[in-house]
Amino acid sequence: MILGIHDGHNASSSLIKKDKILFAMSEERFTRKKNQRGFPEKSVNYILNNINTNDDIDYISIGGVFRKGKRIKNLKNLQNRINKKFLYVYHHISHSYLFKLSNFKETLVISIDGGGDGLSFLASVANKNNLEIIAQSDLIDSVGDFYASITELLGFKPMEDEGKVMSLSSYEGKDDLKLTVIDYIKELKSFKNYLGVVGGEATKTLKRYILGNKKDISFEDKVRISKFAQKTLEDVVLKAIDDLSKEYNLENVVFVGGVAQNVKLNSKIAERYNLFVPPFMGDEGLCLGASLADKRIDNLNIKNTYFGYEIENEKVEKDLELLKNKLKNYKNYKIDFVEEKDIPEVIGSLILDNKIVCLSRGKMEFGPRALGNRSIISLPTKENKEKINKKLKRSWFMPFAPTILYEFIDDYLINPRYSPFMTQIFRVKEDKIKEIEGVIHVDKTTRPQTLKKESNKTYYEMIRYIYDSINIPVVLNTSFNLHGEPIVCTEKDAINSFLKADFDALLLGNYLISKIEH
């Protein structure tokens, strides 16, 4: 077994045994601090407490090389604790070894983010278990930093709110901003940052070039700037991929790193190439990528991302007893135990009754997306979209995503592909827009989880029950968390978030907590 560690931005840990992922989870889910930095103590402890003995661990793989001070000390404390050797794997190499989760025998691997271990871009050719490095960019010539600087310029949080920029770029508005900030240079096999600065200095420079002395940024300004950023991102990344794929005669592309969270860019790539984007493409995936660098591990076939903390009915029972003693208005809720075989009908009926239901059961998903085990679901209507947005205090312009049963994707999507991890967007057929209005963005696209029964049987059958009743194989599916918080992890997290958000029902393990209608 290999214990994987990432102790930087969005810290995480994992455990692989031969060709199987036993555990993988982000530290933020345990600490309740979004994008938690530092040593993933709580998630490591969860793993170590759930295996029989540390003796079965061969070694500890660490995603990333450069660290000092407290980071080194925390890692050494772990090494002293379990007495295993360390193998450090460079940041972008760790990202890139996630290619083993694809089914490609040979592929171009593109890793792009803000930066790590001195690089912001790494291109490789992957063949069997090996990576041949073919192109790089340093921290100055960072595509990820460019997009993060735009995020900060618009008043959002860089390295966290880039999805808001991507979302705004879909709104109607002027697309007339002409400015060459970053490009791909074929001769250098590298991106080139014409500003010459990154981080806060890049934000200031961009602000001066784009806004001048203008202090207040209107919504129209934000749309205009977002369109510029998104188009620049798509143009330069596609330029790089086109150049390298042509030179090495490769039609398969694995795209990793923080920039691969941009689903609009992903879909542009998928129009030209056979694309695979891992479901944990950001820095949280470094713990797994570092472990997959082991040459003894061949490609892994994953059907889902349920590798994290597991909800247990025994713990639910204890927490519900504490809840009863704590809540004065507990009488406003009822609790029922639901047999597994009855869950599809029970939850499906609530959804059909236009209730909003929180799901927290089984193992937690790994990666940024909730895929049925830590989700909030409802009928995909505009009214439900607005209701959920209000309760979660989300930005009004951010879209919601659907879960669609895989066998029906041709009925709803134009040129659909299997997309089980919400890593791409697709245009929605005109005659279906009104039917699922709550999960469609302003540009008539949607970012679906296309669900097969083998991935999550109970979740699949919930949606199937809805389809059998009203002929719609789609639900609105958003992550179960309050705005600004990580996705819920434990039984207590689920109960607290459910009560604060004031939704209609919570399926916690096999226990259904629902409001009593007076």
Protein backbone atom coordinates (compact mmCIF):
# COMPACT_ATOMS: atom_id res chain seq x y z
CA MET A 1 0.00 0.00 0.00
CA ILE A 2 1.07 3.58 -0.71
CA LEU A 3 0.02 6.46 1.54
CA GLY A 4 -0.19 9.65 -0.51
CA ILE A 5 0.22 13.13 0.97
CA HIS A 6 -0.29 16.64 -0.38
CA ASP A 7 0.50 19.27 2.25
CA GLY A 8 -0.02 22.52 0.35
CA HIS A 9 -3.02 24.41 -1.06
CA ASN A 10 -6.09 22.15 -0.84
CA ALA A 11 -4.24 19.55 1.23
CA SER A 12 -5.23 15.91 0.84
CA SER A 13 -4.30 12.31 1.53
CA SER A 14 -4.93 8.94 -0.08
CA LEU A 15 -4.21 5.24 0.16
CA ILE A 16 -3.71 2.91 -2.79
CA LYS A 17 -3.45 -0.86 -2.59
CA LYS A 18 -2.18 -2.51 -5.78
CA ASP A 19 -4.67 -1.35 -8.41
CA LYS A 20 -7.36 0.02 -6.11
CA ILE A 21 -7.96 3.39 -4.46
CA LEU A 22 -8.95 2.65 -0.86
CA PHE A 23 -9.13 6.26 0.38
CA ALA A 24 -8.75 9.76 -1.04
CA MET A 25 -10.01 12.94 0.61
CA SER A 26 -9.37 16.65 1.04
CA GLU A 27 -8.39 18.01 4.44
CA GLU A 28 -10.86 20.88 4.07
CA ARG A 29 -13.78 18.50 4.58
CA PHE A 30 -12.52 17.70 8.08
CA THR A 31 -11.33 21.16 9.16
CA ARG A 32 -14.31 22.95 7.53
CA LYS A 33 -11.89 25.52 6.12
CA LYS A 34 -12.15 25.81 2.34
CA ASN A 35 -8.99 24.95 0.39
CA GLN A 36 -7.19 24.10 3.63
CA ARG A 37 -3.43 24.51 3.37
CA GLY A 38 -0.81 22.56 5.26
CA PHE A 39 -0.33 19.05 6.53
CA PRO A 40 -3.53 16.94 6.11
CA GLU A 41 -3.50 15.67 9.68
CA LYS A 42 -7.17 14.83 10.10
CA SER A 43 -7.56 12.98 6.80
CA VAL A 44 -4.32 11.05 7.40
CA ASN A 45 -5.57 10.05 10.83
CA TYR A 46 -8.87 8.91 9.33
CA ILE A 47 -6.99 6.64 6.93
CA LEU A 48 -4.64 5.24 9.57
CA ASN A 49 -7.54 4.59 11.95
CA ASN A 50 -9.38 2.63 9.27
CA ILE A 51 -6.67 0.15 8.29
CA ASN A 52 -5.63 -2.88 10.30
CA THR A 53 -1.98 -2.01 10.65
CA ASN A 54 0.55 0.55 9.44
CA ASP A 55 2.90 -2.34 8.65
CA ASP A 56 1.13 -2.89 5.32
CA ILE A 57 2.14 0.57 4.08
CA ASP A 58 5.13 0.27 1.73
CA TYR A 59 6.04 3.96 1.69
CA ILE A 60 4.68 7.49 1.69
CA SER A 61 4.47 9.36 -1.62
CA ILE A 62 4.42 13.15 -1.39
CA GLY A 63 3.05 15.38 -4.13
CA GLY A 64 5.49 18.24 -4.55
CA VAL A 65 9.15 18.69 -3.63
CA PHE A 66 9.96 22.24 -2.47
CA ARG A 67 9.02 22.94 1.16
CA LYS A 68 10.68 24.22 4.31
CA GLY A 69 10.09 25.09 7.96
CA LYS A 70 6.86 23.84 9.49
CA ARG A 71 5.94 21.82 6.40
CA ILE A 72 9.08 19.73 6.67
CA LYS A 73 8.60 19.33 10.43
CA ASN A 74 5.04 18.03 10.07
CA LEU A 75 6.07 15.51 7.43
CA LYS A 76 8.98 14.29 9.56
CA ASN A 77 6.63 13.85 12.50
CA LEU A 78 4.50 11.54 10.35
CA GLN A 79 7.57 9.63 9.21
CA ASN A 80 8.70 9.15 12.80
CA ARG A 81 5.22 8.03 13.74
CA ILE A 82 4.85 5.23 11.19
CA ASN A 83 8.51 4.67 10.30
CA LYS A 84 8.19 4.52 6.50
CA LYS A 85 10.34 5.93 3.72
CA PHE A 86 9.35 9.06 1.79
CA LEU A 87 9.34 9.48 -1.98
CA TYR A 88 8.85 13.07 -3.13
CA VAL A 89 7.34 13.53 -6.60
CA TYR A 90 7.46 16.90 -8.38
CA HIS A 91 4.22 18.90 -8.43
CA HIS A 92 3.40 18.69 -12.15
CA ILE A 93 4.68 15.13 -12.43
CA SER A 94 2.20 14.23 -9.67
CA HIS A 95 -0.60 15.93 -11.60
CA SER A 96 0.45 14.20 -14.79
CA TYR A 97 0.48 10.65 -13.43
CA LEU A 98 -3.28 10.89 -13.07
CA PHE A 99 -3.22 9.86 -16.74
CA LYS A 100 -3.32 6.32 -15.36
CA LEU A 101 -6.99 6.86 -14.58
CA SER A 102 -7.73 7.20 -18.31
CA ASN A 103 -8.04 4.26 -20.66
CA PHE A 104 -5.53 5.69 -23.13
CA LYS A 105 -2.53 3.54 -24.06
CA GLU A 106 -0.67 6.58 -25.32
CA THR A 107 -1.63 10.19 -24.69
CA LEU A 108 -0.52 13.79 -24.53
CA VAL A 109 -0.67 14.95 -20.90
CA ILE A 110 -1.12 18.68 -20.28
CA SER A 111 -0.71 20.04 -16.74
CA ILE A 112 -1.48 23.74 -16.22
CA ASP A 113 -2.04 25.69 -13.01
CA GLY A 114 -0.89 28.78 -11.15
CA GLY A 115 2.40 27.10 -10.29
CA GLY A 116 4.15 24.43 -8.29
CA ASP A 117 7.79 23.43 -7.78
CA GLY A 118 8.91 26.23 -10.09
CA LEU A 119 6.67 25.37 -13.06
CA SER A 120 3.22 26.45 -14.20
CA PHE A 121 2.96 24.17 -17.26
CA LEU A 122 4.24 20.71 -18.08
CA ALA A 123 3.51 18.71 -21.24
CA SER A 124 4.39 15.03 -21.46
CA VAL A 125 3.82 12.02 -23.64
CA ALA A 126 2.50 9.14 -21.55
CA ASN A 127 3.11 5.61 -22.74
CA LYS A 128 2.30 2.63 -20.52
CA ASN A 129 3.85 3.60 -17.16
CA ASN A 130 6.21 6.30 -18.36
CA LEU A 131 6.15 10.06 -18.90
CA GLU A 132 8.40 11.78 -21.43
CA ILE A 133 8.55 15.52 -20.72
CA ILE A 134 8.29 17.59 -23.91
CA ALA A 135 7.47 21.18 -22.87
CA GLN A 136 7.45 23.46 -19.81
CA SER A 137 6.72 26.99 -18.59
CA ASP A 138 8.09 28.62 -15.47
CA LEU A 139 6.21 30.60 -12.83
CA ILE A 140 6.42 33.90 -14.70
CA ASP A 141 4.76 32.52 -17.83
CA SER A 142 1.76 31.18 -15.93
CA VAL A 143 -1.61 30.80 -17.63
CA GLY A 144 -3.19 29.91 -14.30
CA ASP A 145 -1.83 33.05 -12.65
CA PHE A 146 -3.21 35.17 -15.51
CA TYR A 147 -6.73 33.83 -14.91
CA ALA A 148 -6.33 34.16 -11.13
CA SER A 149 -5.26 37.79 -11.56
CA ILE A 150 -8.41 38.49 -13.59
CA THR A 151 -10.40 36.81 -10.81
CA GLU A 152 -8.86 39.18 -8.25
CA LEU A 153 -9.31 42.18 -10.54
CA LEU A 154 -13.07 41.48 -10.63
CA GLY A 155 -13.26 41.47 -6.83
CA PHE A 156 -13.37 37.70 -6.39
CA LYS A 157 -11.05 35.44 -4.43
CA PRO A 158 -8.14 34.18 -6.59
CA MET A 159 -7.40 30.43 -6.54
CA GLU A 160 -11.02 29.86 -5.48
CA ASP A 161 -13.54 31.90 -7.49
CA GLU A 162 -12.26 31.33 -11.02
CA GLY A 163 -15.54 29.54 -11.77
CA LYS A 164 -17.33 32.87 -11.34
CA VAL A 165 -15.20 34.41 -14.09
CA MET A 166 -15.93 31.47 -16.38
CA SER A 167 -19.64 31.77 -15.62
CA LEU A 168 -19.74 35.51 -16.29
CA SER A 169 -18.04 34.99 -19.65
CA SER A 170 -21.22 33.28 -20.91
CA TYR A 171 -23.44 36.32 -20.40
CA GLU A 172 -24.28 38.63 -23.29
CA GLY A 173 -22.11 41.70 -23.46
CA LYS A 174 -19.28 43.42 -25.26
CA ASP A 175 -16.39 41.23 -26.39
CA ASP A 176 -14.16 44.00 -27.65
CA LEU A 177 -11.22 43.97 -25.24
CA LYS A 178 -8.07 43.52 -27.32
CA LEU A 179 -4.98 43.01 -25.21
CA THR A 180 -2.13 40.53 -25.59
CA VAL A 181 -1.23 39.44 -22.08
CA ILE A 182 -0.17 35.83 -22.55
CA ASP A 183 0.43 33.59 -25.55
CA TYR A 184 1.90 30.22 -26.53
CA ILE A 185 5.19 30.43 -28.41
CA LYS A 186 5.69 27.41 -30.65
CA GLU A 187 9.45 27.86 -30.97
CA LEU A 188 9.90 27.99 -27.19
CA LYS A 189 7.34 25.25 -26.45
CA SER A 190 6.21 27.53 -23.65
CA PHE A 191 3.66 30.15 -22.77
CA LYS A 192 4.89 33.74 -22.60
CA ASN A 193 3.60 36.35 -20.15
CA TYR A 194 3.99 39.79 -21.73
CA LEU A 195 3.27 41.56 -18.44
CA GLY A 196 6.45 40.14 -16.93
CA VAL A 197 4.89 40.05 -13.47
CA VAL A 198 2.55 37.68 -11.59
CA GLY A 199 0.33 37.68 -8.49
CA GLY A 200 -0.71 41.01 -7.01
CA GLU A 201 1.57 42.95 -9.38
CA ALA A 202 -0.11 41.33 -12.38
CA THR A 203 -3.53 42.25 -10.98
CA LYS A 204 -2.46 45.89 -10.58
CA THR A 205 -1.00 46.02 -14.09
CA LEU A 206 -4.09 44.47 -15.66
CA LYS A 207 -6.30 46.87 -13.75
CA ARG A 208 -4.32 49.82 -15.10
CA TYR A 209 -4.46 48.53 -18.69
CA ILE A 210 -8.12 47.51 -18.63
CA LEU A 211 -9.84 49.94 -16.27
CA GLY A 212 -7.51 52.92 -16.12
CA ASN A 213 -8.74 55.28 -13.41
CA LYS A 214 -12.18 53.70 -13.24
CA LYS A 215 -12.94 52.69 -9.65
CA ASP A 216 -16.33 50.99 -9.78
CA ILE A 217 -16.70 47.84 -11.88
CA SER A 218 -20.21 47.37 -13.27
CA PHE A 219 -21.74 44.01 -14.12
CA GLU A 220 -21.24 44.88 -17.80
CA ASP A 221 -17.54 45.52 -17.12
CA LYS A 222 -17.24 42.17 -15.35
CA VAL A 223 -18.83 40.36 -18.30
CA ARG A 224 -16.55 42.15 -20.79
CA ILE A 225 -13.39 41.37 -18.80
CA SER A 226 -14.49 37.77 -18.19
CA LYS A 227 -15.08 37.23 -21.89
CA PHE A 228 -11.58 38.51 -22.60
CA ALA A 229 -10.04 36.22 -19.96
CA GLN A 230 -11.94 33.13 -21.10
CA LYS A 231 -11.21 33.67 -24.78
CA THR A 232 -7.51 34.28 -24.04
CA LEU A 233 -7.37 31.11 -21.95
CA GLU A 234 -9.05 28.99 -24.61
CA ASP A 235 -6.96 30.41 -27.46
CA VAL A 236 -3.55 29.94 -25.85
CA VAL A 237 -4.19 26.50 -24.35
CA LEU A 238 -5.66 25.15 -27.59
CA LYS A 239 -2.71 26.64 -29.47
CA ALA A 240 -0.33 24.69 -27.24
CA ILE A 241 -2.28 21.43 -27.51
CA ASP A 242 -2.62 21.76 -31.29
CA ASP A 243 1.12 22.30 -31.67
CA LEU A 244 2.17 19.41 -29.43
CA SER A 245 -0.45 16.91 -30.60
CA LYS A 246 0.51 17.55 -34.21
CA GLU A 247 4.23 17.19 -33.53
CA TYR A 248 3.80 13.94 -31.62
CA ASN A 249 0.86 12.63 -33.67
CA LEU A 250 -1.46 12.18 -30.68
CA GLU A 251 -5.25 12.46 -30.64
CA ASN A 252 -5.66 11.57 -26.95
CA VAL A 253 -5.32 14.34 -24.35
CA VAL A 254 -5.29 14.11 -20.55
CA PHE A 255 -5.77 17.55 -19.03
CA VAL A 256 -4.81 18.13 -15.37
CA GLY A 257 -3.98 20.93 -12.94
CA GLY A 258 -6.15 23.73 -11.60
CA VAL A 259 -6.87 25.18 -15.05
CA ALA A 260 -8.54 21.89 -15.99
CA GLN A 261 -11.41 22.88 -13.70
CA ASN A 262 -12.47 25.27 -16.46
CA VAL A 263 -15.22 23.20 -18.10
CA LYS A 264 -15.73 25.63 -20.98
CA LEU A 265 -12.09 25.16 -21.96
CA ASN A 266 -12.40 21.40 -21.47
CA SER A 267 -15.32 21.23 -23.88
CA LYS A 268 -13.39 23.18 -26.49
CA ILE A 269 -10.56 20.65 -26.22
CA ALA A 270 -13.03 17.75 -26.40
CA GLU A 271 -14.37 19.08 -29.72
CA ARG A 272 -10.95 18.38 -31.29
CA TYR A 273 -9.47 15.52 -29.25
CA ASN A 274 -10.28 12.45 -27.20
CA LEU A 275 -10.21 14.10 -23.79
CA PHE A 276 -9.92 12.78 -20.25
CA VAL A 277 -10.03 15.13 -17.26
CA PRO A 278 -9.62 13.43 -13.87
CA PRO A 279 -12.39 14.24 -11.37
CA PHE A 280 -9.76 15.58 -8.94
CA MET A 281 -7.76 17.65 -11.40
CA GLY A 282 -6.70 20.35 -8.92
CA ASP A 283 -4.08 20.22 -6.18
CA GLU A 284 -6.19 17.85 -4.10
CA GLY A 285 -5.30 15.19 -6.69
CA LEU A 286 -1.55 15.48 -6.03
CA CYS A 287 -1.66 12.88 -3.24
CA LEU A 288 -3.03 10.29 -5.67
CA GLY A 289 -0.87 11.36 -8.62
CA ALA A 290 2.28 11.02 -6.54
CA SER A 291 1.25 7.47 -5.62
CA LEU A 292 0.39 6.58 -9.23
CA ALA A 293 3.97 7.47 -10.20
CA ASP A 294 4.88 4.03 -8.86
CA LYS A 295 5.83 1.96 -11.91
CA ARG A 296 4.20 -1.14 -10.41
CA ILE A 297 0.77 0.46 -10.79
CA ASP A 298 -0.91 0.18 -14.16
CA ASN A 299 -3.99 2.06 -15.30
CA LEU A 300 -6.85 2.18 -12.78
CA ASN A 301 -10.47 2.09 -13.87
CA ILE A 302 -12.62 4.21 -11.57
CA LYS A 303 -16.42 4.18 -11.82
CA ASN A 304 -16.99 6.87 -9.19
CA THR A 305 -15.16 9.11 -6.72
CA TYR A 306 -16.47 7.72 -3.43
CA PHE A 307 -13.18 7.37 -1.55
CA GLY A 308 -13.72 9.52 1.55
CA TYR A 309 -15.32 9.60 4.98
CA GLU A 310 -18.14 7.08 5.27
CA ILE A 311 -21.51 7.88 6.85
CA GLU A 312 -22.48 5.10 9.27
CA ASN A 313 -25.99 4.51 10.62
CA GLU A 314 -24.67 3.87 14.14
CA LYS A 315 -23.07 7.32 14.23
CA VAL A 316 -26.23 8.84 12.78
CA GLU A 317 -28.28 7.34 15.62
CA LYS A 318 -25.99 8.87 18.27
CA ASP A 319 -25.98 12.28 16.59
CA LEU A 320 -29.75 12.27 16.26
CA GLU A 321 -30.10 11.62 19.99
CA LEU A 322 -27.86 14.62 20.66
CA LEU A 323 -29.98 16.62 18.23
CA LYS A 324 -33.17 15.75 20.08
CA ASN A 325 -31.70 17.04 23.34
CA LYS A 326 -30.32 20.17 21.70
CA LEU A 327 -33.23 21.39 19.61
CA LYS A 328 -36.20 23.07 21.20
CA ASN A 329 -38.00 22.98 17.87
CA TYR A 330 -37.17 19.34 17.26
CA LYS A 331 -40.92 18.69 17.18
CA ASN A 332 -40.92 20.38 13.75
CA TYR A 333 -39.06 17.40 12.31
CA LYS A 334 -39.74 13.70 12.04
CA ILE A 335 -37.22 10.90 11.62
CA ASP A 336 -37.81 7.66 9.77
CA PHE A 337 -35.50 4.74 9.05
CA VAL A 338 -35.70 3.84 5.36
CA GLU A 339 -34.66 0.42 4.07
CA GLU A 340 -32.17 0.61 1.21
CA LYS A 341 -34.60 -0.95 -1.27
CA ASP A 342 -37.23 1.70 -0.42
CA ILE A 343 -34.98 4.76 -0.75
CA PRO A 344 -35.58 5.36 -4.50
CA GLU A 345 -39.34 5.51 -4.03
CA VAL A 346 -39.25 7.50 -0.77
CA ILE A 347 -36.81 10.15 -2.03
CA GLY A 348 -38.24 10.09 -5.53
CA SER A 349 -41.69 10.83 -4.12
CA LEU A 350 -40.35 13.78 -2.14
CA ILE A 351 -38.72 15.19 -5.26
CA LEU A 352 -41.92 14.69 -7.24
CA ASP A 353 -43.71 16.61 -4.49
CA ASN A 354 -41.30 19.46 -5.33
CA LYS A 355 -39.26 19.08 -2.13
CA ILE A 356 -35.57 19.93 -1.90
CA VAL A 357 -33.66 16.98 -0.45
CA CYS A 358 -30.14 16.81 0.96
CA LEU A 359 -28.25 13.54 0.51
CA SER A 360 -25.41 12.52 2.82
CA ARG A 361 -24.70 8.81 2.72
CA GLY A 362 -21.99 6.31 1.91
CA LYS A 363 -18.45 7.45 1.19
CA MET A 364 -17.74 11.09 0.48
CA GLU A 365 -16.74 12.10 -3.04
CA PHE A 366 -13.14 13.10 -3.76
CA GLY A 367 -12.69 16.22 -5.89
CA PRO A 368 -14.66 19.46 -6.24
CA ARG A 369 -17.96 17.90 -7.35
CA ALA A 370 -20.74 16.30 -5.33
CA LEU A 371 -21.97 13.29 -7.31
CA GLY A 372 -24.87 11.89 -5.33
CA ASN A 373 -23.38 11.08 -1.92
CA ARG A 374 -23.08 14.66 -0.63
CA SER A 375 -25.63 16.41 -2.85
CA ILE A 376 -28.70 18.63 -2.70
CA ILE A 377 -31.23 17.52 -5.29
CA SER A 378 -34.57 18.72 -6.61
CA LEU A 379 -36.66 18.88 -9.77
CA PRO A 380 -34.66 20.90 -12.35
CA THR A 381 -37.00 23.90 -12.42
CA LYS A 382 -36.23 27.61 -12.48
CA GLU A 383 -38.19 28.04 -9.25
CA ASN A 384 -36.07 25.45 -7.42
CA LYS A 385 -32.90 27.04 -8.76
CA GLU A 386 -33.93 30.40 -7.30
CA LYS A 387 -35.05 28.86 -4.01
CA ILE A 388 -31.79 26.94 -3.51
CA ASN A 389 -29.67 29.94 -4.53
CA LYS A 390 -31.42 32.05 -1.91
CA LYS A 391 -31.06 29.50 0.89
CA LEU A 392 -27.39 28.85 0.11
CA LYS A 393 -26.63 32.55 -0.47
CA ARG A 394 -24.87 31.75 -3.75
CA SER A 395 -23.98 34.35 -6.39
CA TRP A 396 -27.11 34.71 -8.49
CA PHE A 397 -25.30 34.34 -11.82
CA MET A 398 -23.75 30.95 -11.00
CA PRO A 399 -25.47 28.04 -12.76
CA PHE A 400 -26.58 24.75 -11.27
CA ALA A 401 -25.71 21.39 -12.77
CA PRO A 402 -27.85 18.31 -13.43
CA THR A 403 -27.51 14.61 -13.00
CA ILE A 404 -28.84 12.91 -16.14
CA LEU A 405 -29.29 9.17 -16.53
CA TYR A 406 -26.74 8.14 -19.13
CA GLU A 407 -29.11 6.32 -21.46
CA PHE A 408 -31.09 9.52 -22.02
CA ILE A 409 -28.28 11.97 -22.80
CA ASP A 410 -29.00 11.91 -26.54
CA ASP A 411 -32.51 13.20 -25.82
CA TYR A 412 -31.22 16.26 -23.97
CA LEU A 413 -27.69 17.13 -25.12
CA ILE A 414 -26.13 18.05 -28.48
CA ASN A 415 -23.16 15.81 -29.33
CA PRO A 416 -23.07 14.26 -25.84
CA ARG A 417 -20.28 12.18 -24.34
CA TYR A 418 -20.06 10.11 -21.20
CA SER A 419 -19.17 12.66 -18.50
CA PRO A 420 -19.55 11.01 -15.09
CA PHE A 421 -17.56 13.62 -13.14
CA MET A 422 -19.01 16.97 -14.36
CA THR A 423 -15.82 17.94 -16.20
CA GLN A 424 -17.38 19.19 -19.46
CA ILE A 425 -20.30 21.29 -20.68
CA PHE A 426 -22.72 20.52 -23.49
CA ARG A 427 -25.35 22.47 -25.39
CA VAL A 428 -28.92 21.54 -24.53
CA LYS A 429 -31.44 20.69 -27.23
CA GLU A 430 -33.87 23.53 -27.85
CA ASP A 431 -36.99 21.46 -27.18
CA LYS A 432 -35.69 20.42 -23.74
CA ILE A 433 -34.64 23.82 -22.38
CA LYS A 434 -37.95 24.67 -20.74
CA GLU A 435 -38.20 21.19 -19.21
CA ILE A 436 -34.91 21.46 -17.28
CA GLU A 437 -34.58 25.26 -17.11
CA GLY A 438 -33.10 25.25 -13.61
CA VAL A 439 -29.86 23.54 -14.73
CA ILE A 440 -29.18 25.48 -17.92
CA HIS A 441 -26.81 28.43 -18.14
CA VAL A 442 -27.56 31.63 -20.06
CA ASP A 443 -25.69 30.32 -23.12
CA LYS A 444 -27.95 27.22 -23.26
CA THR A 445 -25.24 24.89 -21.95
CA THR A 446 -25.15 22.61 -18.95
CA ARG A 447 -22.47 20.74 -16.99
CA PRO A 448 -23.97 17.30 -16.37
CA GLN A 449 -23.09 14.27 -14.35
CA THR A 450 -24.09 11.53 -16.79
CA LEU A 451 -24.93 8.69 -14.45
CA LYS A 452 -24.68 4.96 -15.07
CA LYS A 453 -26.26 2.52 -12.65
CA GLU A 454 -22.90 0.89 -11.92
CA SER A 455 -21.57 4.17 -10.48
CA ASN A 456 -24.22 4.68 -7.78
CA LYS A 457 -27.11 2.22 -7.82
CA THR A 458 -29.36 3.88 -5.23
CA TYR A 459 -28.90 7.40 -6.62
CA TYR A 460 -29.54 6.10 -10.12
CA GLU A 461 -32.75 4.39 -9.02
CA MET A 462 -33.99 7.58 -7.30
CA ILE A 463 -33.80 9.40 -10.62
CA ARG A 464 -35.21 6.41 -12.48
CA TYR A 465 -38.25 6.50 -10.17
CA ILE A 466 -38.76 10.15 -11.10
CA TYR A 467 -38.43 9.33 -14.79
CA ASP A 468 -40.94 6.49 -14.55
CA SER A 469 -43.39 8.93 -12.96
CA ILE A 470 -43.03 12.12 -15.04
CA ASN A 471 -40.77 11.10 -17.95
CA ILE A 472 -37.87 13.36 -16.86
CA PRO A 473 -34.57 11.50 -16.16
CA VAL A 474 -32.91 14.61 -14.71
CA VAL A 475 -32.48 16.22 -11.29
CA LEU A 476 -30.82 19.43 -10.21
CA ASN A 477 -27.70 18.37 -8.30
CA THR A 478 -25.60 20.84 -6.35
CA SER A 479 -23.04 20.21 -3.64
CA PHE A 480 -24.32 19.89 -0.07
CA ASN A 481 -22.63 22.80 1.68
CA LEU A 482 -23.38 26.31 2.84
CA HIS A 483 -21.89 29.11 0.77
CA GLY A 484 -18.17 29.53 1.46
CA GLU A 485 -17.90 26.20 3.27
CA PRO A 486 -16.49 22.89 2.03
CA ILE A 487 -18.88 20.09 1.09
CA VAL A 488 -20.21 18.32 4.19
CA CYS A 489 -18.19 15.40 5.49
CA THR A 490 -19.50 13.88 8.71
CA GLU A 491 -22.92 13.11 10.14
CA LYS A 492 -22.74 16.25 12.31
CA ASP A 493 -21.75 18.42 9.32
CA ALA A 494 -24.78 17.19 7.41
CA ILE A 495 -27.21 17.84 10.29
CA ASN A 496 -25.82 21.33 10.99
CA SER A 497 -25.85 22.41 7.34
CA PHE A 498 -29.33 20.98 6.79
CA LEU A 499 -30.79 22.88 9.72
CA LYS A 500 -29.05 26.15 8.84
CA ALA A 501 -30.10 26.00 5.20
CA ASP A 502 -33.66 24.99 6.17
CA PHE A 503 -34.33 22.54 3.34
CA ASP A 504 -37.23 20.08 3.28
CA ALA A 505 -35.50 16.78 4.01
CA LEU A 506 -32.17 15.14 4.71
CA LEU A 507 -31.36 11.52 3.93
CA LEU A 508 -28.52 10.80 6.35
CA GLY A 509 -27.35 7.24 5.85
CA ASN A 510 -30.68 5.40 5.97
CA TYR A 511 -32.34 7.95 8.25
CA LEU A 512 -34.72 10.46 6.71
CA ILE A 513 -35.11 13.71 8.62
CA SER A 514 -37.98 15.73 7.20
CA LYS A 515 -40.01 18.76 8.12
CA ILE A 516 -43.47 18.22 9.56
CA GLU A 517 -45.97 20.27 7.62
CA HIS A 518 -48.44 22.02 9.92
